[in-house]
C-alpha cells in the first residue's frame, strides 16, 4: 500500500497541493499505523519468518476499515464510493481468475526472484495455499493473474484496482485539507 500512498502524494504534488498537510491529517494516522504493521509482516517474510502470513486477511480488512476515518471525517463520500467500486471490481477480477484456475491464483515471479523476496519452492511449501505458478497454456486468464512484480510483492490488475482505493482517499484527504487551510 505504500505505493498507493506515494502515488497519492505525487498526484497531489503535480496538482500543486501542499503536501505538508499530510502531517496534520490525523485521520490518516490509523492508515499509517496499519501500513507499519504491514511492513513488519513483509520484513519478517523477507527473512523467512512466515508466521504472520496467516494474518494477511486481517491486515487487508484493516486497510479498508481505517479508510473510513478520513471518508467520514472529511466527508469524502464521492471518492469513497468511487474507491469502493474499484475495490469491488478488483475483487471480482481476482475471484474470476481464482475460479478459472481451480481455486488458485497464478503468479509470475520475476523481480521478486532478483530481490530475494521470492525463494524457489515457496509456492510448494504449503505456506501459501492460494498461489500457483503462472504457466502459459496451462493456467487460465493469465492477464488477470499476479504478474505485476514490484520486487517485494506481485500484484494483479485486480490488486491494483483494490489498492487504488487507498490512493484516492489519501489524495482527496490532502486536497480537502488544502482547501480548508486556504479558506
Foldseek 3Di string as FASTA:
>chain_A
DVVLLVVLLVVCVVVVFDSVCLVVLPLCVQLVVLVVVVVVCLVCLLVPNNPCVVCVVVSLVSNVVSLVSLCVVLVVVPLLVQLVVLLVVLVVLQVVQCVQAVNAAAAADDLLVVLSSDDPCPVVPPSDPHYDHDDPPRRPPCLQGFYCDPHSGTDGPSRVSNSNSSSSSSNVSSVSSRVVVVD
